[in-house]
Amino acid sequence: MDAVRRAARPSRRGVLRAGGGAALAAVAGTAVTGCGAGTDDGVAADGTVTVEMWHGQADTAKKALEGLVADFERAHPKIRVKLGGGVLADVMLQKVTAALAAGSYPDIAYIFGSDLARVARSPQVVDLTDTVGSGPVPWKSYWAASRDAVTLNGRVRAAPAVLDSLAVVCNRKLFREAGLALPKAGWTWEDFVSSARTLTESGRGRFGTGWPGTGDEDTVWRLWPLIWDLGGDVVDSGGRGIGFADTGARALQVVAELARDESVYVDPKPGSEQMYQVFQSGRMGMVVTGPWQLPDIETAGIDYHVVPLPSFSGRPVTISGPDTWTVFDNGEARSKAARTFLTWLARPEQDVRWDIEAGSLPLSRRTEALPAWQDKVARTEGLNVFTTALETARVRPVHPAYPEVSQALGQAIVAVLLGRSTPEKALRACADEANAALLIPR
């Protein structure tokens, strides 16, 4: 893709933000007055409505959004979209939480999908079910991952903002030097571990693969495809416990084998930048990543190959981590204008511009079919693998206890990565903490 969302989404999933959920819980039970409701309804004397949007974007993504807003305003002269917020996406939750508590919040904010369940507990979040149901893009034309990531208890609580998927990017040169054939779709996690072992040359500072080692969401979301493939889930069917009590240890065994072989570079800092730098310097054979990383890999001059994630079962599975545009109620005029803008933004002709310029995958199959996207796919090595993966991509549940479950699993992964615990012991500790969080009424 032409743009990298590094500045806006430093670890792609950001970090788990401690304390934000608790503050939102306190806000959720109290109706507060929006910044437009009691002071400025956003409607000028001539009928023009101003919508405030905290976009969380930087660099090329911000520039892309500014261009789209300018075109929208030309086509809708009675609506103005004010881009602001002053923070990047990874700290948007704290800012929005504080704004809700203060009763002065935007009309639209960029919210990570993993945070939506907690934000949506606020009575100020606008239900978008009717909006998407009557929009110009048929709801069923969206990828399932796009729909699932914004749906809570059967209601659409936000609009999809960006879409991605995970695959494996391989360094062709290192595979060739190691005498390994490049992997193909249908390969296994056993193949992945074996390849990482063969690619590793400790004396030359070469690693088979890498894994974020901070325990944040960037660490965690890479393990969910393994758990899902084994038949597990994030939360069990009753909603009172984790759904990976058995499968989690088997998934963590893959991590343990990589650590045992010393074939995994463990990135000690949030953002995974060091891990990517190792790959882009030609010292890592494989990296699990998303399409946002391809521009940097191309710029680094790496001759690369993209292949779907391995599996245990032979069935393709990956994870997608959609983020959202969440709408807040500042009165009917501003809410209507915000919905109008997001409906316009989701149309294929706008979506494809956002995808190409800002680094997202198409939100819908209608966008995917456009010549502009097909041309982008033809010009970008491996991009089609990420798009095809959306057919079987799953998303994390929109559940208010997800941050605690993720935090517990993140600690387990790091303990195994660093050789401090066995998969079984780490999973037991994870289960104790995560199950306790799931039992708390919400």
Protein backbone atom coordinates (compact mmCIF):
# COMPACT_ATOMS: atom_id res chain seq x y z
CA MET A 1 0.00 0.00 0.00
CA ASP A 2 1.03 3.60 -0.54
CA ALA A 3 0.83 4.68 3.08
CA VAL A 4 1.85 3.29 6.42
CA ARG A 5 -0.26 3.90 9.50
CA ARG A 6 2.76 3.73 11.77
CA ALA A 7 2.33 7.10 13.42
CA ALA A 8 -1.41 6.74 13.82
CA ARG A 9 -1.31 3.16 15.02
CA PRO A 10 2.17 2.54 16.41
CA SER A 11 1.76 -1.17 17.08
CA ARG A 12 -1.13 -1.44 14.67
CA ARG A 13 -3.34 -2.48 17.56
CA GLY A 14 -1.94 0.17 19.87
CA VAL A 15 -1.47 -0.75 23.51
CA LEU A 16 -3.91 -1.81 26.20
CA ARG A 17 -4.79 1.34 28.00
CA ALA A 18 -5.04 0.78 31.75
CA GLY A 19 -7.75 2.69 33.58
CA GLY A 20 -9.69 3.87 30.54
CA GLY A 21 -12.30 1.15 30.87
CA ALA A 22 -12.95 1.93 34.52
CA ALA A 23 -13.49 5.58 33.73
CA LEU A 24 -15.86 4.68 30.93
CA ALA A 25 -17.80 2.43 33.28
CA ALA A 26 -18.34 5.37 35.58
CA VAL A 27 -19.46 7.54 32.68
CA ALA A 28 -21.74 4.90 31.15
CA GLY A 29 -24.38 5.07 33.83
CA THR A 30 -24.70 8.83 33.78
CA ALA A 31 -26.23 10.83 30.97
CA VAL A 32 -24.02 13.82 30.31
CA THR A 33 -24.61 16.88 28.24
CA GLY A 34 -22.71 16.98 24.96
CA CYS A 35 -20.73 19.99 23.92
CA GLY A 36 -23.38 20.81 21.32
CA ALA A 37 -26.46 20.11 23.40
CA GLY A 38 -26.05 22.83 26.00
CA THR A 39 -23.86 25.42 24.33
CA ASP A 40 -23.33 25.24 20.58
CA ASP A 41 -25.62 23.04 18.51
CA GLY A 42 -23.23 23.31 15.57
CA VAL A 43 -25.82 24.98 13.31
CA ALA A 44 -24.89 28.37 11.88
CA ALA A 45 -27.36 31.11 11.02
CA ASP A 46 -27.33 30.03 7.38
CA GLY A 47 -28.15 26.42 8.30
CA THR A 48 -24.61 25.06 7.91
CA VAL A 49 -23.85 22.27 10.39
CA THR A 50 -20.32 21.75 11.74
CA VAL A 51 -19.24 18.24 12.70
CA GLU A 52 -16.20 17.77 14.94
CA MET A 53 -14.11 14.69 14.09
CA TRP A 54 -11.25 13.40 16.25
CA HIS A 55 -9.50 11.39 13.58
CA GLY A 56 -6.31 10.15 15.27
CA GLN A 57 -4.42 10.02 11.97
CA ALA A 58 -0.98 11.35 11.04
CA ASP A 59 1.18 11.90 7.97
CA THR A 60 -0.21 10.37 4.78
CA ALA A 61 -3.39 9.06 6.41
CA LYS A 62 -4.18 12.52 7.74
CA LYS A 63 -3.50 14.04 4.33
CA ALA A 64 -5.78 11.48 2.69
CA LEU A 65 -8.58 12.27 5.12
CA GLU A 66 -8.17 16.00 4.60
CA GLY A 67 -8.57 15.49 0.85
CA LEU A 68 -11.70 13.42 1.32
CA VAL A 69 -13.21 15.99 3.68
CA ALA A 70 -12.57 18.77 1.19
CA ASP A 71 -14.39 16.82 -1.52
CA PHE A 72 -17.27 16.02 0.83
CA GLU A 73 -17.72 19.65 1.77
CA ARG A 74 -17.81 20.68 -1.89
CA ALA A 75 -20.57 18.14 -2.48
CA HIS A 76 -22.39 19.02 0.77
CA PRO A 77 -22.08 22.81 1.19
CA LYS A 78 -24.29 22.82 4.30
CA ILE A 79 -22.00 20.47 6.26
CA ARG A 80 -18.54 21.28 7.55
CA VAL A 81 -16.23 18.62 9.01
CA LYS A 82 -13.74 20.02 11.51
CA LEU A 83 -10.76 17.68 11.86
CA GLY A 84 -9.09 17.80 15.24
CA GLY A 85 -8.63 16.02 18.52
CA GLY A 86 -4.94 16.73 18.89
CA VAL A 87 -3.98 13.12 19.67
CA LEU A 88 -3.06 10.02 17.73
CA ALA A 89 -5.24 6.94 17.71
CA ASP A 90 -3.30 5.04 20.36
CA VAL A 91 -4.36 7.50 23.07
CA MET A 92 -7.81 8.31 21.70
CA LEU A 93 -9.55 6.16 24.32
CA GLN A 94 -8.24 8.27 27.19
CA LYS A 95 -9.19 11.51 25.46
CA VAL A 96 -12.69 10.33 24.59
CA THR A 97 -13.19 8.93 28.12
CA ALA A 98 -12.25 12.28 29.63
CA ALA A 99 -14.44 14.13 27.14
CA LEU A 100 -17.47 11.98 27.99
CA ALA A 101 -16.92 12.56 31.69
CA ALA A 102 -16.66 16.31 31.10
CA GLY A 103 -19.71 16.41 28.81
CA SER A 104 -17.74 17.92 25.93
CA TYR A 105 -17.08 15.33 23.25
CA PRO A 106 -16.76 15.21 19.45
CA ASP A 107 -19.33 14.04 16.93
CA ILE A 108 -17.02 11.36 15.49
CA ALA A 109 -13.94 9.69 16.99
CA TYR A 110 -11.53 7.02 15.76
CA ILE A 111 -11.90 4.14 18.23
CA PHE A 112 -9.93 0.90 18.15
CA GLY A 113 -12.18 -2.09 17.58
CA SER A 114 -10.93 -3.69 20.80
CA ASP A 115 -12.17 -0.62 22.74
CA LEU A 116 -15.61 -0.28 21.13
CA ALA A 117 -17.54 -2.43 23.62
CA ARG A 118 -16.52 -0.21 26.51
CA VAL A 119 -17.04 3.06 24.67
CA ALA A 120 -20.46 1.88 23.46
CA ARG A 121 -21.63 1.61 27.07
CA SER A 122 -21.93 5.38 27.09
CA PRO A 123 -25.51 6.54 26.33
CA GLN A 124 -23.97 9.22 24.12
CA VAL A 125 -22.85 6.69 21.47
CA VAL A 126 -25.21 6.79 18.48
CA ASP A 127 -26.73 3.52 17.26
CA LEU A 128 -25.92 3.21 13.54
CA THR A 129 -28.01 0.12 12.75
CA ASP A 130 -30.57 2.02 10.69
CA THR A 131 -27.85 4.11 9.04
CA VAL A 132 -25.94 1.13 7.64
CA GLY A 133 -29.18 -0.66 6.80
CA SER A 134 -30.28 2.16 4.52
CA GLY A 135 -26.86 3.22 3.25
CA PRO A 136 -25.76 3.18 -0.39
CA VAL A 137 -23.42 0.21 0.24
CA PRO A 138 -25.39 -2.97 1.07
CA TRP A 139 -24.44 -4.08 4.57
CA LYS A 140 -23.94 -7.66 3.40
CA SER A 141 -21.44 -6.43 0.82
CA TYR A 142 -19.07 -5.60 3.68
CA TRP A 143 -16.60 -8.27 4.67
CA ALA A 144 -17.82 -10.25 7.67
CA ALA A 145 -14.87 -8.91 9.65
CA SER A 146 -16.03 -5.33 8.99
CA ARG A 147 -19.55 -6.12 10.17
CA ASP A 148 -18.61 -8.20 13.20
CA ALA A 149 -16.15 -5.65 14.55
CA VAL A 150 -18.83 -2.96 14.95
CA THR A 151 -21.79 -5.11 16.03
CA LEU A 152 -22.65 -5.51 19.70
CA ASN A 153 -25.73 -7.43 20.85
CA GLY A 154 -27.13 -7.34 17.35
CA ARG A 155 -26.81 -3.56 16.98
CA VAL A 156 -24.30 -1.62 14.88
CA ARG A 157 -22.51 0.70 17.29
CA ALA A 158 -19.96 2.30 14.93
CA ALA A 159 -18.92 2.49 11.29
CA PRO A 160 -15.94 0.47 10.05
CA ALA A 161 -12.93 2.74 9.54
CA VAL A 162 -10.03 0.54 8.43
CA LEU A 163 -9.60 -3.13 7.66
CA ASP A 164 -6.58 -5.42 7.62
CA SER A 165 -5.49 -9.04 7.98
CA LEU A 166 -2.38 -10.95 9.01
CA ALA A 167 -0.15 -13.04 6.74
CA VAL A 168 3.52 -14.03 6.66
CA VAL A 169 6.06 -12.02 4.68
CA CYS A 170 9.22 -13.97 3.77
CA ASN A 171 12.66 -12.79 2.71
CA ARG A 172 13.34 -14.65 -0.55
CA LYS A 173 17.10 -14.17 -0.33
CA LEU A 174 17.37 -15.73 3.13
CA PHE A 175 15.19 -18.66 2.12
CA ARG A 176 17.37 -19.23 -0.92
CA GLU A 177 20.58 -19.08 1.13
CA ALA A 178 19.13 -21.54 3.66
CA GLY A 179 18.17 -23.97 0.90
CA LEU A 180 14.46 -23.68 1.79
CA ALA A 181 11.60 -23.61 -0.65
CA LEU A 182 9.27 -20.68 -0.16
CA PRO A 183 6.14 -21.70 1.77
CA LYS A 184 2.80 -22.04 0.04
CA ALA A 185 -0.81 -21.77 1.15
CA GLY A 186 -1.71 -24.80 3.24
CA TRP A 187 1.56 -24.98 5.16
CA THR A 188 1.50 -25.82 8.88
CA TRP A 189 2.73 -24.27 12.10
CA GLU A 190 5.17 -27.17 12.30
CA ASP A 191 6.53 -26.01 8.94
CA PHE A 192 6.76 -22.46 10.30
CA VAL A 193 8.75 -23.53 13.38
CA SER A 194 11.03 -25.74 11.30
CA SER A 195 11.66 -22.97 8.76
CA ALA A 196 12.41 -20.45 11.51
CA ARG A 197 14.95 -22.86 13.00
CA THR A 198 16.68 -23.37 9.65
CA LEU A 199 16.73 -19.66 8.83
CA THR A 200 18.34 -18.71 12.14
CA GLU A 201 22.08 -18.00 12.19
CA SER A 202 22.97 -16.65 15.62
CA GLY A 203 26.58 -15.99 14.63
CA ARG A 204 25.42 -13.62 11.88
CA GLY A 205 22.62 -12.05 13.92
CA ARG A 206 19.90 -13.66 11.82
CA PHE A 207 16.54 -14.72 13.16
CA GLY A 208 13.92 -17.01 11.71
CA THR A 209 11.04 -14.78 12.79
CA GLY A 210 9.98 -12.19 15.35
CA TRP A 211 7.28 -11.59 17.95
CA PRO A 212 6.36 -8.45 19.93
CA GLY A 213 7.38 -9.03 23.53
CA THR A 214 5.67 -6.28 25.52
CA GLY A 215 2.46 -8.16 26.34
CA ASP A 216 0.25 -5.55 24.69
CA GLU A 217 -2.39 -6.11 22.04
CA ASP A 218 0.26 -6.36 19.33
CA THR A 219 1.66 -9.37 21.19
CA VAL A 220 -1.74 -10.97 21.70
CA TRP A 221 -3.64 -10.69 18.46
CA ARG A 222 -1.07 -12.81 16.62
CA LEU A 223 -2.00 -15.81 18.78
CA TRP A 224 -5.76 -15.76 18.25
CA PRO A 225 -5.62 -17.41 14.77
CA LEU A 226 -3.82 -20.39 16.31
CA ILE A 227 -6.44 -20.68 19.05
CA TRP A 228 -9.34 -20.35 16.61
CA ASP A 229 -7.80 -22.92 14.27
CA LEU A 230 -7.62 -25.39 17.17
CA GLY A 231 -11.31 -24.88 17.90
CA GLY A 232 -10.97 -22.41 20.76
CA ASP A 233 -12.43 -18.96 21.18
CA VAL A 234 -11.76 -15.81 23.16
CA VAL A 235 -14.80 -16.22 25.42
CA ASP A 236 -16.72 -19.45 25.94
CA SER A 237 -20.31 -19.91 24.78
CA GLY A 238 -21.69 -19.07 28.22
CA GLY A 239 -19.78 -15.80 28.40
CA ARG A 240 -18.47 -16.58 31.89
CA GLY A 241 -15.02 -17.90 31.10
CA ILE A 242 -12.29 -18.01 28.49
CA GLY A 243 -12.85 -20.19 25.45
CA PHE A 244 -9.23 -21.31 25.12
CA ALA A 245 -8.59 -23.17 28.37
CA ASP A 246 -7.55 -26.27 26.40
CA THR A 247 -6.42 -24.85 23.06
CA GLY A 248 -4.40 -21.98 24.51
CA ALA A 249 -1.62 -24.21 25.81
CA ARG A 250 -1.28 -25.91 22.41
CA ALA A 251 -1.08 -22.54 20.68
CA LEU A 252 1.50 -21.35 23.20
CA GLN A 253 3.54 -24.46 22.45
CA VAL A 254 4.39 -22.94 19.06
CA VAL A 255 5.73 -19.87 20.88
CA ALA A 256 7.67 -22.12 23.26
CA GLU A 257 9.28 -24.02 20.38
CA LEU A 258 10.41 -20.79 18.73
CA ALA A 259 11.88 -19.62 22.04
CA ARG A 260 13.55 -22.99 22.66
CA ASP A 261 15.21 -22.86 19.24
CA GLU A 262 16.25 -19.21 19.81
CA SER A 263 14.84 -18.56 16.36
CA VAL A 264 12.53 -15.69 17.39
CA TYR A 265 13.53 -12.07 17.84
CA VAL A 266 11.55 -10.76 20.82
CA ASP A 267 10.92 -7.04 20.40
CA PRO A 268 11.17 -5.45 23.86
CA LYS A 269 9.54 -2.13 22.95
CA PRO A 270 5.94 -1.15 22.12
CA GLY A 271 5.25 -0.61 18.45
CA SER A 272 7.23 -3.53 17.00
CA GLU A 273 9.47 -1.09 15.18
CA GLN A 274 12.65 -2.92 16.16
CA MET A 275 11.22 -6.22 14.92
CA TYR A 276 10.38 -4.67 11.58
CA GLN A 277 13.77 -3.00 11.37
CA VAL A 278 15.45 -6.38 11.81
CA PHE A 279 13.36 -7.80 8.97
CA GLN A 280 13.95 -4.78 6.74
CA SER A 281 17.69 -4.94 7.34
CA GLY A 282 17.74 -8.46 5.88
CA ARG A 283 18.34 -10.25 9.19
CA MET A 284 14.97 -11.98 9.62
CA GLY A 285 13.50 -14.70 7.42
CA MET A 286 9.79 -14.37 8.18
CA VAL A 287 7.56 -11.81 9.85
CA VAL A 288 3.86 -12.06 10.65
CA THR A 289 2.39 -8.71 9.68
CA GLY A 290 -0.31 -6.89 7.77
CA PRO A 291 -0.50 -4.96 4.50
CA TRP A 292 0.45 -1.70 6.21
CA GLN A 293 4.06 -2.91 6.40
CA LEU A 294 4.55 -3.57 2.67
CA PRO A 295 5.60 -0.01 1.72
CA ASP A 296 8.48 -0.03 4.22
CA ILE A 297 9.54 -3.50 3.10
CA GLU A 298 9.57 -2.35 -0.52
CA THR A 299 11.48 0.83 0.38
CA ALA A 300 14.08 -1.28 2.19
CA GLY A 301 14.69 -3.19 -1.04
CA ILE A 302 13.71 -6.59 0.39
CA ASP A 303 12.83 -9.18 -2.24
CA TYR A 304 9.79 -10.57 -0.47
CA HIS A 305 7.09 -13.21 -0.75
CA VAL A 306 3.69 -13.18 1.01
CA VAL A 307 1.95 -16.37 2.09
CA PRO A 308 -1.19 -16.96 4.21
CA LEU A 309 -0.77 -17.84 7.88
CA PRO A 310 0.06 -21.48 8.60
CA SER A 311 -2.53 -23.68 10.30
CA PHE A 312 -2.88 -26.87 12.32
CA SER A 313 -5.99 -28.07 10.51
CA GLY A 314 -5.28 -27.23 6.89
CA ARG A 315 -8.18 -24.77 6.94
CA PRO A 316 -7.25 -21.15 6.22
CA VAL A 317 -7.77 -18.77 9.14
CA THR A 318 -6.45 -15.35 9.98
CA ILE A 319 -7.36 -12.37 12.11
CA SER A 320 -8.56 -8.95 11.07
CA GLY A 321 -8.48 -5.97 13.41
CA PRO A 322 -10.91 -3.38 12.08
CA ASP A 323 -11.03 0.00 13.78
CA THR A 324 -14.04 2.26 13.86
CA TRP A 325 -15.56 5.68 13.39
CA THR A 326 -17.77 6.03 16.46
CA VAL A 327 -20.52 8.68 16.49
CA PHE A 328 -21.54 10.62 19.62
CA ASP A 329 -24.81 12.44 20.18
CA ASN A 330 -24.51 16.21 20.16
CA GLY A 331 -28.06 16.83 19.05
CA GLU A 332 -30.07 15.75 16.04
CA ALA A 333 -28.54 18.16 13.51
CA ARG A 334 -24.95 17.19 14.24
CA SER A 335 -25.72 13.47 14.55
CA LYS A 336 -27.49 13.50 11.19
CA ALA A 337 -24.60 15.37 9.57
CA ALA A 338 -22.09 12.92 11.05
CA ARG A 339 -24.06 9.97 9.70
CA THR A 340 -24.25 11.64 6.29
CA PHE A 341 -20.48 12.07 6.20
CA LEU A 342 -19.70 8.50 7.24
CA THR A 343 -22.22 7.12 4.76
CA TRP A 344 -20.51 9.12 2.01
CA LEU A 345 -17.06 7.99 3.20
CA ALA A 346 -18.09 4.31 2.97
CA ARG A 347 -19.11 4.51 -0.68
CA PRO A 348 -16.72 2.51 -2.88
CA GLU A 349 -15.47 5.57 -4.77
CA GLN A 350 -14.36 7.18 -1.48
CA ASP A 351 -13.39 3.96 0.27
CA VAL A 352 -10.96 3.00 -2.50
CA ARG A 353 -9.19 6.36 -2.21
CA TRP A 354 -8.86 5.91 1.55
CA ASP A 355 -7.61 2.35 1.10
CA ILE A 356 -4.96 3.23 -1.46
CA GLU A 357 -3.80 6.47 0.13
CA ALA A 358 -4.08 5.60 3.84
CA GLY A 359 -3.32 1.90 3.95
CA SER A 360 -6.56 -0.01 4.53
CA LEU A 361 -8.00 -3.03 2.78
CA PRO A 362 -11.38 -2.52 1.05
CA LEU A 363 -14.27 -2.42 3.50
CA SER A 364 -16.61 -4.07 1.01
CA ARG A 365 -16.55 -6.39 -1.95
CA ARG A 366 -17.89 -3.55 -4.09
CA THR A 367 -14.75 -1.55 -3.35
CA GLU A 368 -12.55 -4.58 -4.00
CA ALA A 369 -14.05 -4.92 -7.49
CA LEU A 370 -13.20 -1.36 -8.55
CA PRO A 371 -10.51 -0.97 -11.25
CA ALA A 372 -8.48 1.37 -9.01
CA TRP A 373 -8.13 -1.32 -6.34
CA GLN A 374 -7.45 -4.06 -8.85
CA ASP A 375 -4.70 -1.92 -10.34
CA LYS A 376 -3.24 -1.41 -6.87
CA VAL A 377 -3.25 -5.18 -6.30
CA ALA A 378 -1.53 -5.76 -9.64
CA ARG A 379 1.23 -3.30 -8.72
CA THR A 380 1.82 -4.48 -5.15
CA GLU A 381 3.49 -7.83 -4.56
CA GLY A 382 1.49 -9.99 -2.16
CA LEU A 383 -1.34 -7.54 -1.52
CA ASN A 384 -3.84 -10.01 -2.97
CA VAL A 385 -2.91 -12.51 -0.22
CA PHE A 386 -4.10 -10.10 2.47
CA THR A 387 -7.33 -9.34 0.61
CA THR A 388 -8.07 -13.01 -0.10
CA ALA A 389 -7.50 -13.75 3.59
CA LEU A 390 -10.54 -11.62 4.43
CA GLU A 391 -12.70 -14.50 3.19
CA THR A 392 -11.83 -16.46 6.35
CA ALA A 393 -10.75 -13.68 8.70
CA ARG A 394 -12.20 -13.49 12.17
CA VAL A 395 -12.24 -10.63 14.65
CA ARG A 396 -11.94 -10.42 18.40
CA PRO A 397 -15.31 -10.25 20.16
CA VAL A 398 -16.84 -6.89 20.92
CA HIS A 399 -16.82 -7.64 24.65
CA PRO A 400 -16.28 -5.19 27.52
CA ALA A 401 -13.92 -7.59 29.33
CA TYR A 402 -11.72 -8.14 26.28
CA PRO A 403 -8.92 -5.81 27.51
CA GLU A 404 -8.51 -7.87 30.70
CA VAL A 405 -8.53 -11.15 28.77
CA SER A 406 -5.96 -9.74 26.37
CA GLN A 407 -3.76 -8.45 29.16
CA ALA A 408 -3.76 -11.85 30.87
CA LEU A 409 -2.92 -13.65 27.63
CA GLY A 410 -0.24 -11.09 26.81
CA GLN A 411 1.51 -11.83 30.10
CA ALA A 412 1.35 -15.56 29.33
CA ILE A 413 2.86 -15.10 25.86
CA VAL A 414 5.73 -13.00 27.18
CA ALA A 415 6.44 -15.51 29.95
CA VAL A 416 6.74 -18.27 27.35
CA LEU A 417 8.71 -16.14 24.88
CA LEU A 418 11.28 -15.34 27.56
CA GLY A 419 11.45 -18.91 28.84
CA ARG A 420 10.06 -17.97 32.23
CA SER A 421 7.13 -20.38 32.10
CA THR A 422 5.80 -23.44 30.32
CA PRO A 423 2.73 -23.09 28.07
CA GLU A 424 0.61 -25.04 30.55
CA LYS A 425 1.63 -23.02 33.59
CA ALA A 426 1.35 -19.69 31.74
CA LEU A 427 -2.10 -20.61 30.47
CA ARG A 428 -3.31 -21.53 33.96
CA ALA A 429 -2.25 -18.14 35.28
CA CYS A 430 -3.89 -16.47 32.30
CA ALA A 431 -7.14 -18.37 32.88
CA ASP A 432 -7.28 -17.42 36.56
CA GLU A 433 -6.96 -13.71 35.79
CA ALA A 434 -9.12 -13.63 32.67
CA ASN A 435 -11.93 -15.72 34.13
CA ALA A 436 -12.09 -13.43 37.15
CA ALA A 437 -12.53 -10.45 34.83
CA LEU A 438 -15.27 -12.20 32.87
CA LEU A 439 -17.26 -12.84 36.06
CA ILE A 440 -17.47 -9.13 36.92
CA PRO A 441 -20.96 -7.79 36.02
CA ARG A 442 -20.78 -5.21 33.24
